[in-house]
N, C-alpha and C. Protein backbone atom coordinates (compact mmCIF):
# COMPACT_ATOMS: atom_id res chain seq x y z
N UNK A 1 32.88 35.99 11.51
CA UNK A 1 32.28 36.40 10.23
C UNK A 1 32.87 35.59 9.08
N UNK A 2 34.17 35.39 9.15
CA UNK A 2 34.85 34.64 8.11
C UNK A 2 34.38 33.19 8.11
N UNK A 3 34.19 32.65 9.33
CA UNK A 3 33.72 31.27 9.44
C UNK A 3 32.30 31.12 8.87
N UNK A 4 31.47 32.09 9.17
CA UNK A 4 30.09 32.07 8.65
C UNK A 4 30.10 32.11 7.13
N UNK A 5 30.96 32.93 6.56
CA UNK A 5 31.05 33.05 5.11
C UNK A 5 31.51 31.73 4.49
N UNK A 6 32.45 31.06 5.16
CA UNK A 6 32.95 29.78 4.66
C UNK A 6 31.85 28.73 4.67
N UNK A 7 31.07 28.71 5.76
CA UNK A 7 29.96 27.75 5.85
C UNK A 7 28.90 28.03 4.80
N UNK A 8 28.65 29.32 4.56
CA UNK A 8 27.68 29.72 3.55
C UNK A 8 28.13 29.26 2.16
N UNK A 9 29.42 29.43 1.86
CA UNK A 9 29.97 29.00 0.57
C UNK A 9 29.90 27.48 0.43
N UNK A 10 30.16 26.78 1.54
CA UNK A 10 30.09 25.32 1.52
C UNK A 10 28.66 24.85 1.23
N UNK A 11 27.71 25.53 1.86
CA UNK A 11 26.31 25.18 1.64
C UNK A 11 25.90 25.41 0.19
N UNK A 12 26.34 26.52 -0.38
CA UNK A 12 26.04 26.82 -1.78
C UNK A 12 26.65 25.76 -2.71
N UNK A 13 27.87 25.34 -2.39
CA UNK A 13 28.52 24.30 -3.20
C UNK A 13 27.76 22.98 -3.13
N UNK A 14 27.30 22.64 -1.92
CA UNK A 14 26.54 21.40 -1.75
C UNK A 14 25.23 21.45 -2.52
N UNK A 15 24.56 22.60 -2.45
CA UNK A 15 23.31 22.76 -3.20
C UNK A 15 23.55 22.68 -4.71
N UNK A 16 24.67 23.25 -5.14
CA UNK A 16 25.02 23.21 -6.56
C UNK A 16 25.27 21.78 -7.01
N UNK A 17 26.01 21.02 -6.19
CA UNK A 17 26.30 19.62 -6.53
C UNK A 17 25.02 18.79 -6.53
N UNK A 18 24.13 19.08 -5.56
CA UNK A 18 22.86 18.37 -5.50
C UNK A 18 22.03 18.66 -6.74
N UNK A 19 22.05 19.91 -7.18
CA UNK A 19 21.31 20.30 -8.38
C UNK A 19 21.86 19.59 -9.62
N UNK A 20 23.19 19.49 -9.69
CA UNK A 20 23.80 18.78 -10.81
C UNK A 20 23.41 17.31 -10.81
N UNK A 21 23.38 16.73 -9.61
CA UNK A 21 23.01 15.31 -9.48
C UNK A 21 21.57 15.08 -9.93
N UNK A 22 20.67 15.96 -9.47
CA UNK A 22 19.26 15.83 -9.85
C UNK A 22 19.07 16.04 -11.35
N UNK A 23 19.80 17.01 -11.90
CA UNK A 23 19.71 17.27 -13.35
C UNK A 23 20.20 16.06 -14.14
N UNK A 24 21.28 15.44 -13.67
CA UNK A 24 21.82 14.25 -14.33
C UNK A 24 20.80 13.11 -14.27
N UNK A 25 20.19 12.94 -13.09
CA UNK A 25 19.20 11.86 -12.91
C UNK A 25 18.01 12.07 -13.84
N UNK A 26 17.56 13.32 -13.97
CA UNK A 26 16.42 13.61 -14.84
C UNK A 26 16.75 13.36 -16.30
N UNK A 27 17.96 13.79 -16.71
CA UNK A 27 18.37 13.60 -18.09
C UNK A 27 18.53 12.12 -18.40
N UNK A 28 19.07 11.38 -17.44
CA UNK A 28 19.33 9.95 -17.63
C UNK A 28 18.04 9.14 -17.66
N UNK A 29 17.11 9.48 -16.75
CA UNK A 29 15.88 8.69 -16.63
C UNK A 29 14.66 9.36 -17.27
N UNK A 30 14.79 10.64 -17.63
CA UNK A 30 13.67 11.34 -18.22
C UNK A 30 12.68 11.80 -17.15
N UNK A 31 11.54 12.31 -17.59
CA UNK A 31 10.55 12.86 -16.68
C UNK A 31 9.38 11.88 -16.46
N UNK A 32 9.64 10.60 -16.64
CA UNK A 32 8.60 9.61 -16.45
C UNK A 32 8.12 9.57 -15.00
N UNK A 33 6.82 9.36 -14.83
CA UNK A 33 6.25 9.26 -13.48
C UNK A 33 6.37 7.84 -12.93
N UNK A 34 6.89 6.92 -13.73
CA UNK A 34 6.97 5.53 -13.30
C UNK A 34 8.17 5.26 -12.39
N UNK A 35 9.16 6.12 -12.44
CA UNK A 35 10.35 5.90 -11.62
C UNK A 35 10.13 6.30 -10.18
N UNK A 36 11.01 5.86 -9.31
CA UNK A 36 10.96 6.21 -7.89
C UNK A 36 11.96 7.32 -7.61
N UNK A 37 11.58 8.36 -6.87
CA UNK A 37 12.51 9.45 -6.59
C UNK A 37 13.77 8.94 -5.89
N UNK A 38 14.95 9.39 -6.32
CA UNK A 38 16.18 8.99 -5.63
C UNK A 38 16.18 9.52 -4.20
N UNK A 39 17.00 8.90 -3.36
CA UNK A 39 17.03 9.24 -1.92
C UNK A 39 17.31 10.72 -1.69
N UNK A 40 18.25 11.29 -2.46
CA UNK A 40 18.60 12.70 -2.26
C UNK A 40 17.41 13.60 -2.58
N UNK A 41 16.70 13.30 -3.65
CA UNK A 41 15.53 14.10 -4.02
C UNK A 41 14.46 14.01 -2.93
N UNK A 42 14.29 12.82 -2.38
CA UNK A 42 13.29 12.63 -1.32
C UNK A 42 13.66 13.43 -0.08
N UNK A 43 14.94 13.42 0.27
CA UNK A 43 15.40 14.18 1.45
C UNK A 43 15.18 15.67 1.26
N UNK A 44 15.54 16.16 0.07
CA UNK A 44 15.38 17.59 -0.22
C UNK A 44 13.90 17.98 -0.19
N UNK A 45 13.04 17.16 -0.83
CA UNK A 45 11.61 17.46 -0.90
C UNK A 45 10.97 17.41 0.49
N UNK A 46 11.34 16.39 1.27
CA UNK A 46 10.77 16.25 2.62
C UNK A 46 11.19 17.41 3.51
N UNK A 47 12.45 17.82 3.39
CA UNK A 47 12.96 18.94 4.19
C UNK A 47 12.27 20.24 3.78
N UNK A 48 12.12 20.43 2.48
CA UNK A 48 11.47 21.64 1.98
C UNK A 48 10.02 21.72 2.46
N UNK A 49 9.32 20.58 2.44
CA UNK A 49 7.93 20.54 2.91
C UNK A 49 7.85 20.90 4.38
N UNK A 50 8.74 20.31 5.17
CA UNK A 50 8.74 20.59 6.60
C UNK A 50 9.00 22.06 6.91
N UNK A 51 9.95 22.64 6.16
CA UNK A 51 10.29 24.05 6.37
C UNK A 51 9.17 24.98 5.92
N UNK A 52 8.33 24.51 4.98
CA UNK A 52 7.26 25.36 4.45
C UNK A 52 6.07 25.46 5.40
N UNK A 53 5.99 24.54 6.37
CA UNK A 53 4.87 24.55 7.32
C UNK A 53 5.24 25.42 8.51
N UNK A 54 4.49 26.48 8.78
CA UNK A 54 4.81 27.37 9.90
C UNK A 54 4.87 26.61 11.24
N UNK A 55 5.79 27.00 12.07
CA UNK A 55 5.96 26.34 13.37
C UNK A 55 4.68 26.41 14.20
N UNK A 56 3.95 27.53 14.08
CA UNK A 56 2.71 27.69 14.84
C UNK A 56 1.67 26.65 14.43
N UNK A 57 1.70 26.26 13.14
CA UNK A 57 0.78 25.25 12.63
C UNK A 57 1.21 23.87 13.12
N UNK A 58 2.50 23.61 13.11
CA UNK A 58 3.01 22.32 13.58
C UNK A 58 2.61 22.05 15.03
N UNK A 59 2.49 23.10 15.81
CA UNK A 59 2.18 22.94 17.24
C UNK A 59 0.68 22.85 17.52
N UNK A 60 -0.14 22.99 16.47
CA UNK A 60 -1.59 22.95 16.66
C UNK A 60 -2.07 21.55 17.02
N UNK A 61 -3.06 21.48 17.90
CA UNK A 61 -3.71 20.24 18.25
C UNK A 61 -5.08 20.20 17.57
N UNK A 62 -5.56 19.00 17.32
CA UNK A 62 -6.85 18.85 16.65
C UNK A 62 -7.96 19.47 17.49
N UNK A 63 -8.66 20.49 16.96
CA UNK A 63 -9.71 21.15 17.73
C UNK A 63 -11.05 20.38 17.72
N UNK A 64 -11.14 19.35 16.87
CA UNK A 64 -12.37 18.56 16.81
C UNK A 64 -12.28 17.40 17.79
N UNK A 65 -13.15 17.36 18.79
CA UNK A 65 -13.11 16.26 19.77
C UNK A 65 -13.32 14.91 19.08
N UNK A 66 -12.57 13.92 19.51
CA UNK A 66 -12.70 12.59 18.93
C UNK A 66 -13.99 11.92 19.40
N UNK A 67 -14.68 11.28 18.47
CA UNK A 67 -15.85 10.47 18.81
C UNK A 67 -16.04 9.45 17.70
N UNK A 68 -16.82 8.42 17.94
CA UNK A 68 -17.06 7.41 16.92
C UNK A 68 -17.79 8.00 15.73
N UNK A 69 -18.70 8.94 16.00
CA UNK A 69 -19.45 9.59 14.92
C UNK A 69 -18.51 10.38 14.01
N UNK A 70 -17.55 11.09 14.61
CA UNK A 70 -16.56 11.86 13.83
C UNK A 70 -15.71 10.92 13.00
N UNK A 71 -15.29 9.81 13.62
CA UNK A 71 -14.45 8.83 12.92
C UNK A 71 -15.21 8.21 11.74
N UNK A 72 -16.47 7.88 11.94
CA UNK A 72 -17.28 7.29 10.87
C UNK A 72 -17.45 8.27 9.71
N UNK A 73 -17.70 9.52 10.04
CA UNK A 73 -17.87 10.55 9.00
C UNK A 73 -16.57 10.73 8.21
N UNK A 74 -15.46 10.78 8.93
CA UNK A 74 -14.16 10.96 8.28
C UNK A 74 -13.79 9.75 7.44
N UNK A 75 -14.16 8.56 7.92
CA UNK A 75 -13.89 7.34 7.16
C UNK A 75 -14.62 7.36 5.81
N UNK A 76 -15.89 7.76 5.83
CA UNK A 76 -16.66 7.84 4.58
C UNK A 76 -16.09 8.91 3.66
N UNK A 77 -15.67 10.03 4.24
CA UNK A 77 -15.07 11.13 3.47
C UNK A 77 -13.78 10.66 2.81
N UNK A 78 -12.97 9.94 3.57
CA UNK A 78 -11.70 9.42 3.04
C UNK A 78 -11.95 8.46 1.90
N UNK A 79 -12.93 7.57 2.08
CA UNK A 79 -13.24 6.58 1.05
C UNK A 79 -13.72 7.25 -0.24
N UNK A 80 -14.45 8.33 -0.12
CA UNK A 80 -15.02 9.01 -1.27
C UNK A 80 -14.02 9.95 -1.96
N UNK A 81 -13.14 10.59 -1.18
CA UNK A 81 -12.25 11.61 -1.75
C UNK A 81 -10.78 11.20 -1.84
N UNK A 82 -10.30 10.36 -0.94
CA UNK A 82 -8.86 10.12 -0.81
C UNK A 82 -8.41 8.74 -1.27
N UNK A 83 -9.32 7.76 -1.20
CA UNK A 83 -8.93 6.37 -1.44
C UNK A 83 -8.47 6.10 -2.87
N UNK A 84 -8.88 6.93 -3.82
CA UNK A 84 -8.48 6.73 -5.21
C UNK A 84 -6.96 6.66 -5.34
N UNK A 85 -6.26 7.51 -4.58
CA UNK A 85 -4.79 7.53 -4.61
C UNK A 85 -4.19 6.79 -3.42
N UNK A 86 -4.77 6.99 -2.24
CA UNK A 86 -4.19 6.43 -1.01
C UNK A 86 -4.67 5.03 -0.68
N UNK A 87 -5.76 4.57 -1.31
CA UNK A 87 -6.33 3.28 -0.97
C UNK A 87 -7.16 3.39 0.30
N UNK A 88 -8.11 2.50 0.47
CA UNK A 88 -8.94 2.54 1.68
C UNK A 88 -8.11 2.33 2.94
N UNK A 89 -7.03 1.56 2.81
CA UNK A 89 -6.20 1.26 3.98
C UNK A 89 -5.06 2.25 4.17
N UNK A 90 -4.95 3.26 3.27
CA UNK A 90 -3.90 4.28 3.40
C UNK A 90 -2.55 3.86 2.87
N UNK A 91 -2.46 2.69 2.25
CA UNK A 91 -1.17 2.17 1.79
C UNK A 91 -0.65 2.86 0.52
N UNK A 92 -1.57 3.45 -0.26
CA UNK A 92 -1.18 4.05 -1.53
C UNK A 92 -1.07 3.04 -2.65
N UNK A 93 -1.40 1.78 -2.37
CA UNK A 93 -1.30 0.72 -3.38
C UNK A 93 -2.57 0.67 -4.23
N UNK A 94 -2.72 1.65 -5.10
CA UNK A 94 -3.85 1.70 -6.03
C UNK A 94 -3.30 1.96 -7.43
N UNK A 95 -4.08 1.68 -8.48
CA UNK A 95 -3.60 1.93 -9.85
C UNK A 95 -3.16 3.39 -10.05
N UNK A 96 -3.87 4.32 -9.42
CA UNK A 96 -3.50 5.73 -9.55
C UNK A 96 -2.30 6.05 -8.67
N UNK A 97 -2.36 5.67 -7.41
CA UNK A 97 -1.29 5.98 -6.47
C UNK A 97 0.06 5.46 -6.89
N UNK A 98 0.10 4.24 -7.41
CA UNK A 98 1.38 3.63 -7.78
C UNK A 98 1.97 4.23 -9.04
N UNK A 99 1.19 5.04 -9.76
CA UNK A 99 1.70 5.66 -10.98
C UNK A 99 1.85 7.17 -10.86
N UNK A 100 1.78 7.67 -9.62
CA UNK A 100 2.05 9.09 -9.38
C UNK A 100 3.54 9.30 -9.13
N UNK A 101 3.99 10.55 -9.28
CA UNK A 101 5.37 10.89 -8.94
C UNK A 101 5.37 12.19 -8.14
N UNK A 102 5.79 12.11 -6.90
CA UNK A 102 6.21 10.92 -6.15
C UNK A 102 5.01 10.08 -5.72
N UNK A 103 5.29 8.84 -5.32
CA UNK A 103 4.24 7.94 -4.86
C UNK A 103 3.68 8.46 -3.53
N UNK A 104 2.38 8.23 -3.27
CA UNK A 104 1.81 8.66 -1.99
C UNK A 104 2.49 7.95 -0.82
N UNK A 105 2.69 8.68 0.26
CA UNK A 105 3.26 8.08 1.46
C UNK A 105 2.27 7.08 2.05
N UNK A 106 2.78 5.98 2.55
CA UNK A 106 1.93 5.04 3.28
C UNK A 106 1.49 5.73 4.57
N UNK A 107 0.22 6.06 4.66
CA UNK A 107 -0.27 6.85 5.80
C UNK A 107 -0.26 6.07 7.11
N UNK A 108 -0.01 4.77 7.04
CA UNK A 108 0.07 3.96 8.26
C UNK A 108 1.49 3.93 8.82
N UNK A 109 2.44 4.40 8.02
CA UNK A 109 3.85 4.30 8.38
C UNK A 109 4.24 5.23 9.52
N UNK A 110 5.38 4.93 10.15
CA UNK A 110 5.91 5.78 11.23
C UNK A 110 6.21 7.18 10.70
N UNK A 111 6.69 7.23 9.45
CA UNK A 111 7.02 8.52 8.83
C UNK A 111 5.81 9.44 8.80
N UNK A 112 4.64 8.88 8.47
CA UNK A 112 3.41 9.68 8.39
C UNK A 112 2.82 9.93 9.77
N UNK A 113 2.81 8.91 10.60
CA UNK A 113 2.15 9.01 11.89
C UNK A 113 2.91 9.88 12.90
N UNK A 114 4.21 10.08 12.66
CA UNK A 114 4.98 10.92 13.59
C UNK A 114 4.73 12.42 13.37
N UNK A 115 4.09 12.74 12.25
CA UNK A 115 3.78 14.15 12.00
C UNK A 115 2.74 14.63 13.02
N UNK A 116 2.80 15.89 13.36
CA UNK A 116 1.85 16.46 14.32
C UNK A 116 0.48 16.61 13.67
N UNK A 117 -0.54 16.80 14.51
CA UNK A 117 -1.89 17.04 13.99
C UNK A 117 -1.88 18.21 13.02
N UNK A 118 -1.18 19.27 13.42
CA UNK A 118 -1.13 20.48 12.59
C UNK A 118 -0.49 20.24 11.23
N UNK A 119 0.58 19.43 11.20
CA UNK A 119 1.25 19.14 9.93
C UNK A 119 0.32 18.36 8.99
N UNK A 120 -0.34 17.35 9.53
CA UNK A 120 -1.25 16.54 8.70
C UNK A 120 -2.39 17.41 8.18
N UNK A 121 -2.94 18.23 9.06
CA UNK A 121 -4.02 19.14 8.66
C UNK A 121 -3.55 20.08 7.55
N UNK A 122 -2.38 20.65 7.72
CA UNK A 122 -1.84 21.63 6.76
C UNK A 122 -1.69 20.99 5.38
N UNK A 123 -1.20 19.75 5.34
CA UNK A 123 -1.00 19.06 4.06
C UNK A 123 -2.34 18.77 3.39
N UNK A 124 -3.33 18.32 4.18
CA UNK A 124 -4.66 18.04 3.62
C UNK A 124 -5.28 19.33 3.10
N UNK A 125 -5.24 20.37 3.91
CA UNK A 125 -5.94 21.62 3.62
C UNK A 125 -5.28 22.41 2.48
N UNK A 126 -3.95 22.36 2.39
CA UNK A 126 -3.24 23.18 1.41
C UNK A 126 -2.64 22.40 0.24
N UNK A 127 -2.58 21.07 0.36
CA UNK A 127 -1.98 20.27 -0.69
C UNK A 127 -0.46 20.43 -0.72
N UNK A 128 0.18 19.77 -1.70
CA UNK A 128 1.64 19.86 -1.85
C UNK A 128 1.95 20.13 -3.32
N UNK A 129 2.65 21.19 -3.57
CA UNK A 129 3.00 21.54 -4.96
C UNK A 129 3.86 20.46 -5.61
N UNK A 130 3.70 20.35 -6.93
CA UNK A 130 4.51 19.44 -7.76
C UNK A 130 4.33 17.97 -7.35
N UNK A 131 3.18 17.67 -6.78
CA UNK A 131 2.83 16.27 -6.48
C UNK A 131 1.38 16.08 -6.90
N UNK A 132 0.85 14.88 -6.66
CA UNK A 132 -0.55 14.63 -6.96
C UNK A 132 -1.49 15.01 -5.84
N UNK A 133 -0.94 15.62 -4.77
CA UNK A 133 -1.76 15.95 -3.60
C UNK A 133 -2.39 17.33 -3.75
N UNK A 134 -3.72 17.38 -3.97
CA UNK A 134 -4.39 18.68 -4.11
C UNK A 134 -4.76 19.28 -2.76
N UNK A 135 -5.18 20.52 -2.77
CA UNK A 135 -5.71 21.15 -1.55
C UNK A 135 -7.18 20.76 -1.41
N UNK A 136 -7.57 20.33 -0.21
CA UNK A 136 -8.94 19.91 0.02
C UNK A 136 -9.66 20.85 0.97
N UNK A 137 -10.95 20.72 1.02
CA UNK A 137 -11.74 21.51 1.96
C UNK A 137 -11.92 22.95 1.52
N UNK A 138 -12.66 23.68 2.32
CA UNK A 138 -12.91 25.08 2.03
C UNK A 138 -11.69 25.92 2.41
N UNK A 139 -11.50 27.02 1.70
CA UNK A 139 -10.33 27.87 1.94
C UNK A 139 -10.38 28.51 3.32
N UNK A 140 -11.59 28.71 3.84
CA UNK A 140 -11.73 29.38 5.14
C UNK A 140 -11.19 28.50 6.26
N UNK A 141 -10.83 29.13 7.34
CA UNK A 141 -10.37 28.43 8.55
C UNK A 141 -11.41 28.58 9.65
N UNK A 142 -11.59 27.58 10.54
CA UNK A 142 -10.98 26.26 10.42
C UNK A 142 -11.75 25.38 9.45
N UNK A 143 -11.04 24.47 8.81
CA UNK A 143 -11.62 23.52 7.88
C UNK A 143 -11.93 22.25 8.68
N UNK A 144 -13.15 22.14 9.16
CA UNK A 144 -13.50 21.04 10.06
C UNK A 144 -13.37 19.67 9.40
N UNK A 145 -13.73 19.58 8.12
CA UNK A 145 -13.63 18.28 7.43
C UNK A 145 -12.19 17.77 7.42
N UNK A 146 -11.24 18.67 7.19
CA UNK A 146 -9.83 18.26 7.16
C UNK A 146 -9.35 17.86 8.54
N UNK A 147 -9.82 18.56 9.57
CA UNK A 147 -9.44 18.18 10.94
C UNK A 147 -10.02 16.82 11.29
N UNK A 148 -11.22 16.52 10.82
CA UNK A 148 -11.82 15.20 11.07
C UNK A 148 -11.00 14.11 10.38
N UNK A 149 -10.49 14.43 9.18
CA UNK A 149 -9.66 13.46 8.47
C UNK A 149 -8.38 13.15 9.23
N UNK A 150 -7.88 14.11 9.98
CA UNK A 150 -6.69 13.87 10.81
C UNK A 150 -6.97 12.74 11.80
N UNK A 151 -8.16 12.74 12.40
CA UNK A 151 -8.54 11.67 13.31
C UNK A 151 -8.52 10.31 12.59
N UNK A 152 -9.05 10.29 11.36
CA UNK A 152 -9.11 9.02 10.64
C UNK A 152 -7.71 8.54 10.24
N UNK A 153 -6.85 9.46 9.84
CA UNK A 153 -5.48 9.08 9.47
C UNK A 153 -4.76 8.50 10.68
N UNK A 154 -5.01 9.04 11.86
CA UNK A 154 -4.43 8.48 13.09
C UNK A 154 -4.95 7.06 13.33
N UNK A 155 -6.14 6.78 12.84
CA UNK A 155 -6.79 5.48 13.06
C UNK A 155 -6.36 4.42 12.04
N UNK A 156 -5.79 4.84 10.91
CA UNK A 156 -5.48 3.93 9.82
C UNK A 156 -4.64 2.70 10.23
N UNK A 157 -3.63 2.84 11.09
CA UNK A 157 -2.87 1.65 11.48
C UNK A 157 -3.72 0.59 12.18
N UNK A 158 -4.89 0.97 12.65
CA UNK A 158 -5.75 0.04 13.40
C UNK A 158 -7.04 -0.28 12.64
N UNK A 159 -7.07 0.05 11.35
CA UNK A 159 -8.27 -0.16 10.54
C UNK A 159 -8.60 -1.65 10.47
N UNK A 160 -9.88 -1.98 10.65
CA UNK A 160 -10.31 -3.38 10.61
C UNK A 160 -10.81 -3.76 9.22
N UNK A 161 -10.88 -5.04 8.96
CA UNK A 161 -11.41 -5.54 7.68
C UNK A 161 -12.87 -5.13 7.51
N UNK A 162 -13.60 -5.12 8.61
CA UNK A 162 -15.00 -4.71 8.56
C UNK A 162 -15.13 -3.26 8.11
N UNK A 163 -14.25 -2.40 8.62
CA UNK A 163 -14.27 -0.99 8.22
C UNK A 163 -13.91 -0.84 6.74
N UNK A 164 -12.93 -1.62 6.27
CA UNK A 164 -12.55 -1.56 4.86
C UNK A 164 -13.72 -1.95 3.96
N UNK A 165 -14.48 -2.94 4.37
CA UNK A 165 -15.63 -3.37 3.59
C UNK A 165 -16.67 -2.25 3.51
N UNK A 166 -16.88 -1.55 4.61
CA UNK A 166 -17.82 -0.42 4.62
C UNK A 166 -17.33 0.68 3.68
N UNK A 167 -16.01 0.87 3.64
CA UNK A 167 -15.44 1.92 2.80
C UNK A 167 -15.61 1.62 1.32
N UNK A 168 -15.55 0.34 0.96
CA UNK A 168 -15.71 -0.04 -0.45
C UNK A 168 -17.03 0.46 -1.01
N UNK A 169 -18.05 0.48 -0.16
CA UNK A 169 -19.38 0.93 -0.60
C UNK A 169 -19.41 2.45 -0.84
N UNK A 170 -18.42 3.16 -0.28
CA UNK A 170 -18.36 4.61 -0.42
C UNK A 170 -17.39 5.06 -1.51
N UNK A 171 -16.63 4.11 -2.06
CA UNK A 171 -15.67 4.47 -3.11
C UNK A 171 -16.37 4.95 -4.37
N UNK A 172 -15.83 5.96 -5.05
CA UNK A 172 -16.45 6.46 -6.29
C UNK A 172 -16.55 5.36 -7.35
N UNK A 173 -17.62 5.38 -8.12
CA UNK A 173 -17.82 4.39 -9.18
C UNK A 173 -17.81 5.12 -10.52
N UNK A 174 -17.04 4.61 -11.46
CA UNK A 174 -16.94 5.22 -12.78
C UNK A 174 -18.19 4.91 -13.61
N UNK A 175 -18.47 5.71 -14.64
CA UNK A 175 -19.62 5.43 -15.52
C UNK A 175 -19.57 4.02 -16.10
N UNK A 176 -18.35 3.56 -16.42
CA UNK A 176 -18.20 2.21 -16.97
C UNK A 176 -18.63 1.15 -15.95
N UNK A 177 -18.23 1.34 -14.70
CA UNK A 177 -18.60 0.39 -13.65
C UNK A 177 -20.11 0.42 -13.39
N UNK A 178 -20.70 1.61 -13.46
CA UNK A 178 -22.16 1.74 -13.28
C UNK A 178 -22.89 0.96 -14.37
N UNK A 179 -22.41 1.10 -15.61
CA UNK A 179 -23.01 0.39 -16.74
C UNK A 179 -22.88 -1.12 -16.57
N UNK A 180 -21.71 -1.56 -16.09
CA UNK A 180 -21.49 -3.00 -15.87
C UNK A 180 -22.46 -3.53 -14.80
N UNK A 181 -22.67 -2.74 -13.74
CA UNK A 181 -23.59 -3.15 -12.68
C UNK A 181 -25.02 -3.26 -13.21
N UNK A 182 -25.42 -2.30 -14.05
CA UNK A 182 -26.77 -2.34 -14.63
C UNK A 182 -26.95 -3.57 -15.51
N UNK A 183 -25.93 -3.87 -16.32
CA UNK A 183 -26.00 -5.03 -17.20
C UNK A 183 -26.07 -6.33 -16.40
N UNK A 184 -25.31 -6.37 -15.30
CA UNK A 184 -25.33 -7.56 -14.45
C UNK A 184 -26.69 -7.73 -13.79
N UNK A 185 -27.27 -6.62 -13.29
CA UNK A 185 -28.60 -6.68 -12.68
C UNK A 185 -29.65 -7.13 -13.70
N UNK A 186 -29.54 -6.60 -14.93
CA UNK A 186 -30.48 -6.97 -15.99
C UNK A 186 -30.38 -8.45 -16.32
N UNK A 187 -29.14 -8.94 -16.38
CA UNK A 187 -28.92 -10.37 -16.67
C UNK A 187 -29.52 -11.25 -15.57
N UNK A 188 -29.33 -10.85 -14.31
CA UNK A 188 -29.87 -11.63 -13.19
C UNK A 188 -31.40 -11.62 -13.19
N UNK A 189 -31.97 -10.46 -13.51
CA UNK A 189 -33.44 -10.36 -13.58
C UNK A 189 -33.99 -11.27 -14.67
N UNK A 190 -33.34 -11.25 -15.84
CA UNK A 190 -33.78 -12.10 -16.95
C UNK A 190 -33.62 -13.58 -16.60
N UNK A 191 -32.52 -13.90 -15.92
CA UNK A 191 -32.26 -15.28 -15.52
C UNK A 191 -33.32 -15.77 -14.54
N UNK A 192 -33.67 -14.88 -13.60
CA UNK A 192 -34.71 -15.23 -12.61
C UNK A 192 -36.07 -15.42 -13.30
N UNK A 193 -36.36 -14.56 -14.29
CA UNK A 193 -37.63 -14.65 -15.02
C UNK A 193 -37.72 -15.97 -15.77
N UNK A 194 -36.60 -16.37 -16.42
CA UNK A 194 -36.59 -17.63 -17.15
C UNK A 194 -36.75 -18.82 -16.19
N UNK A 195 -36.10 -18.69 -15.02
CA UNK A 195 -36.19 -19.75 -14.01
C UNK A 195 -37.61 -19.92 -13.49
N UNK A 196 -38.27 -18.80 -13.25
CA UNK A 196 -39.67 -18.85 -12.74
C UNK A 196 -40.60 -19.41 -13.81
N UNK A 197 -40.37 -19.02 -15.08
CA UNK A 197 -41.22 -19.52 -16.17
C UNK A 197 -41.07 -21.02 -16.33
N UNK A 198 -39.82 -21.48 -16.22
CA UNK A 198 -39.56 -22.91 -16.35
C UNK A 198 -40.22 -23.68 -15.22
N UNK A 199 -40.18 -23.12 -14.03
CA UNK A 199 -40.79 -23.76 -12.86
C UNK A 199 -42.29 -23.86 -13.01
N UNK A 200 -42.91 -22.82 -13.56
CA UNK A 200 -44.37 -22.80 -13.77
C UNK A 200 -44.78 -23.86 -14.80
N UNK A 201 -43.95 -24.01 -15.84
CA UNK A 201 -44.26 -25.01 -16.87
C UNK A 201 -44.18 -26.42 -16.31
N UNK A 202 -43.21 -26.66 -15.44
CA UNK A 202 -43.06 -27.97 -14.83
C UNK A 202 -44.25 -28.30 -13.93
N UNK A 203 -44.75 -27.30 -13.23
CA UNK A 203 -45.88 -27.50 -12.33
C UNK A 203 -47.16 -27.80 -13.10
N UNK A 204 -47.27 -27.25 -14.33
CA UNK A 204 -48.45 -27.49 -15.15
C UNK A 204 -48.41 -28.91 -15.72
C-alpha cells in the first residue's frame, strides 16, 4: 500500500512538472497555430487520444467488404471532404493543413497505418477535441461512409498519380475559383470567335 502511494505521488509530481513545462512553452511561444507542438505535448496528446478510445472499438474490424467500387466511392468522398486539410495524397501538405495546430498526421505514415480499423473509424466518426479534426458522418451507428474511408486510408500509401488526378476533379472549388474559370472560358470563346472571323475574312 505504501509503495502504491509513493508511485501515485511520483506520478502526480511528473504530471505537475509536465504542466509547468507546457505552461512555460505556451507563455514563451504564445498561442500561435504556426508553431509545432513540442515532443512532450505530442506524447501526452497521443496517449490521451489512445486512452479515450474504448478497447472494444480498437478491436473492431471493418464491416464493409473491400471492393474497387467501395474504394472509388471513398476516394471521391475523401477528395471532397478531407483533402482540404489532409491533401489528396494524405500528406497534410496543404495551405490549411500546414497552418493547423496540431498539424494533421501524414496518413501514409507508419504512425497512422499501425492504428486498427476501429481506431481510424472512431477518429473519423467522432473527431478529436482541440484540433482541426471534426466529427464526420451521421451520428447513428454504423456509419458506413466512415468505414469506407478506412479502406481508402489503408490504400493511401499505394495511391497512384492517376488516382490523384481523378481526385483533383472532386476537390471543392471556391467561388473565386469558379469565377476565374468562367472568365477563362469566356476569354477562350472570344478568342476562338476572333480567330474564326479572321479566317473567314482571309478566305473572302
